[in-house]
C-alpha atoms as a PDB file:
ATOM      1  CA  MET A   1       0.000   0.000   0.000  1.00  0.00           C
ATOM      2  CA  ASN A   2       1.348   3.425  -0.974  1.00  0.00           C
ATOM      3  CA  VAL A   3       0.737   6.098   1.656  1.00  0.00           C
ATOM      4  CA  LEU A   4       1.284   9.812   1.052  1.00  0.00           C
ATOM      5  CA  LEU A   5       1.747  12.066   4.083  1.00  0.00           C
ATOM      6  CA  VAL A   6       0.982  15.703   3.287  1.00  0.00           C
ATOM      7  CA  ASP A   7       1.930  18.045   6.124  1.00  0.00           C
ATOM      8  CA  ASP A   8       4.101  21.150   6.292  1.00  0.00           C
ATOM      9  CA  HIS A   9       5.899  19.937   9.455  1.00  0.00           C
ATOM     10  CA  THR A  10       8.747  17.584   8.560  1.00  0.00           C
ATOM     11  CA  LEU A  11       9.154  16.310  12.125  1.00  0.00           C
ATOM     12  CA  PHE A  12       5.463  15.358  12.292  1.00  0.00           C
ATOM     13  CA  ARG A  13       5.663  13.495   8.970  1.00  0.00           C
ATOM     14  CA  GLN A  14       8.788  11.624  10.041  1.00  0.00           C
ATOM     15  CA  GLY A  15       7.224  10.725  13.384  1.00  0.00           C
ATOM     16  CA  LEU A  16       4.089   9.430  11.696  1.00  0.00           C
ATOM     17  CA  VAL A  17       6.165   7.297   9.319  1.00  0.00           C
ATOM     18  CA  HIS A  18       8.065   5.896  12.300  1.00  0.00           C
ATOM     19  CA  LEU A  19       4.804   5.125  14.089  1.00  0.00           C
ATOM     20  CA  LEU A  20       3.041   3.534  11.122  1.00  0.00           C
ATOM     21  CA  ASP A  21       6.028   1.751   9.605  1.00  0.00           C
ATOM     22  CA  GLY A  22       5.822  -1.107  12.079  1.00  0.00           C
ATOM     23  CA  LEU A  23       2.189  -1.885  11.272  1.00  0.00           C
ATOM     24  CA  ASP A  24       2.786  -3.634   7.977  1.00  0.00           C
ATOM     25  CA  ASN A  25       5.859  -4.393   5.870  1.00  0.00           C
ATOM     26  CA  ALA A  26       3.828  -3.732   2.726  1.00  0.00           C
ATOM     27  CA  LEU A  27       3.471   0.012   3.464  1.00  0.00           C
ATOM     28  CA  THR A  28       5.490   2.412   1.330  1.00  0.00           C
ATOM     29  CA  PHE A  29       5.573   6.039   2.450  1.00  0.00           C
ATOM     30  CA  PHE A  30       5.896   9.206   0.417  1.00  0.00           C
ATOM     31  CA  GLN A  31       5.952  12.733   1.806  1.00  0.00           C
ATOM     32  CA  ALA A  32       4.938  16.184   0.607  1.00  0.00           C
ATOM     33  CA  ASP A  33       4.826  19.511   2.427  1.00  0.00           C
ATOM     34  CA  THR A  34       2.010  21.104   0.416  1.00  0.00           C
ATOM     35  CA  VAL A  35      -0.901  20.197  -1.842  1.00  0.00           C
ATOM     36  CA  THR A  36       0.200  22.767  -4.432  1.00  0.00           C
ATOM     37  CA  GLY A  37       2.983  20.507  -5.751  1.00  0.00           C
ATOM     38  CA  ASP A  38       2.748  17.664  -8.210  1.00  0.00           C
ATOM     39  CA  LEU A  39       1.295  15.002  -5.883  1.00  0.00           C
ATOM     40  CA  ASP A  40       0.898  12.430  -8.640  1.00  0.00           C
ATOM     41  CA  ARG A  41       4.689  12.312  -9.141  1.00  0.00           C
ATOM     42  CA  PHE A  42       4.822   9.508  -6.556  1.00  0.00           C
ATOM     43  CA  GLY A  43       2.809   7.133  -8.719  1.00  0.00           C
ATOM     44  CA  PRO A  44      -0.407   5.493  -7.590  1.00  0.00           C
ATOM     45  CA  ILE A  45      -1.279   6.432  -4.005  1.00  0.00           C
ATOM     46  CA  ASP A  46      -3.732   4.301  -2.047  1.00  0.00           C
ATOM     47  CA  LEU A  47      -4.036   6.484   1.061  1.00  0.00           C
ATOM     48  CA  VAL A  48      -3.395  10.180   1.675  1.00  0.00           C
ATOM     49  CA  LEU A  49      -2.981  11.431   5.237  1.00  0.00           C
ATOM     50  CA  LEU A  50      -3.646  15.154   4.834  1.00  0.00           C
ATOM     51  CA  ASP A  51      -3.142  18.145   7.088  1.00  0.00           C
ATOM     52  CA  MET A  52      -5.810  20.712   6.196  1.00  0.00           C
ATOM     53  CA  GLN A  53      -3.909  23.666   7.670  1.00  0.00           C
ATOM     54  CA  MET A  54      -0.838  24.364   5.582  1.00  0.00           C
ATOM     55  CA  PRO A  55       0.444  27.213   3.444  1.00  0.00           C
ATOM     56  CA  GLY A  56      -1.553  27.386   0.235  1.00  0.00           C
ATOM     57  CA  PRO A  57      -5.004  25.864   0.000  1.00  0.00           C
ATOM     58  CA  GLU A  58      -6.327  24.953   3.428  1.00  0.00           C
ATOM     59  CA  GLY A  59      -9.483  23.496   4.892  1.00  0.00           C
ATOM     60  CA  THR A  60     -11.829  21.925   2.408  1.00  0.00           C
ATOM     61  CA  ASP A  61      -9.868  23.608  -0.407  1.00  0.00           C
ATOM     62  CA  ALA A  62      -6.870  21.424   0.503  1.00  0.00           C
ATOM     63  CA  VAL A  63      -9.056  18.324   0.342  1.00  0.00           C
ATOM     64  CA  ALA A  64     -10.481  19.403  -3.024  1.00  0.00           C
ATOM     65  CA  ALA A  65      -6.996  20.121  -4.429  1.00  0.00           C
ATOM     66  CA  THR A  66      -5.804  16.699  -3.286  1.00  0.00           C
ATOM     67  CA  ARG A  67      -8.894  14.987  -4.729  1.00  0.00           C
ATOM     68  CA  THR A  68      -8.268  16.694  -8.087  1.00  0.00           C
ATOM     69  CA  LYS A  69      -4.663  15.469  -8.206  1.00  0.00           C
ATOM     70  CA  LEU A  70      -5.299  11.994  -6.761  1.00  0.00           C
ATOM     71  CA  PRO A  71      -8.897  11.130  -7.690  1.00  0.00           C
ATOM     72  CA  SER A  72      -8.709   7.426  -6.840  1.00  0.00           C
ATOM     73  CA  SER A  73      -6.934   7.821  -3.477  1.00  0.00           C
ATOM     74  CA  THR A  74      -8.598   7.563  -0.091  1.00  0.00           C
ATOM     75  CA  ILE A  75      -8.052  10.813   1.838  1.00  0.00           C
ATOM     76  CA  VAL A  76      -7.924  10.899   5.628  1.00  0.00           C
ATOM     77  CA  VAL A  77      -7.650  14.291   7.324  1.00  0.00           C
ATOM     78  CA  ILE A  78      -5.100  14.513  10.144  1.00  0.00           C
ATOM     79  CA  SER A  79      -5.306  18.075  11.437  1.00  0.00           C
ATOM     80  CA  GLY A  80      -5.366  19.679  14.798  1.00  0.00           C
ATOM     81  CA  ASP A  81      -6.335  23.132  15.933  1.00  0.00           C
ATOM     82  CA  PHE A  82      -6.970  24.874  19.203  1.00  0.00           C
ATOM     83  CA  ASP A  83     -10.176  26.273  17.710  1.00  0.00           C
ATOM     84  CA  PRO A  84     -12.970  23.656  17.531  1.00  0.00           C
ATOM     85  CA  VAL A  85     -14.172  25.220  14.259  1.00  0.00           C
ATOM     86  CA  VAL A  86     -11.762  24.188  11.522  1.00  0.00           C
ATOM     87  CA  ARG A  87     -10.783  26.960   9.129  1.00  0.00           C
ATOM     88  CA  GLY A  88     -12.222  26.437   5.694  1.00  0.00           C
ATOM     89  CA  CYS A  89     -15.170  24.349   6.924  1.00  0.00           C
ATOM     90  CA  SER A  90     -18.615  25.875   7.033  1.00  0.00           C
ATOM     91  CA  SER A  91     -20.222  23.724   9.740  1.00  0.00           C
ATOM     92  CA  ARG A  92     -20.304  24.892  13.353  1.00  0.00           C
END
């Protein structure tokens, strides 16, 4: 399974790879620090772990940008914020 971690914090991405790497030997990890780059350069991606609060598109715009570039990938949002209302989302 090819997993793409998209987060602007390198240390967080590396820590997540370290944490998940022991789950299954069949996992291959790729990393990106923004959704504005060429995400499909990694080849087919099965799972995207996406931070919604990065420079460039954020919130639901980041999800939409990722979906456009990787239409067949499953996207899981991994974001945190002190504010319970996530920027870019309309629900309260």
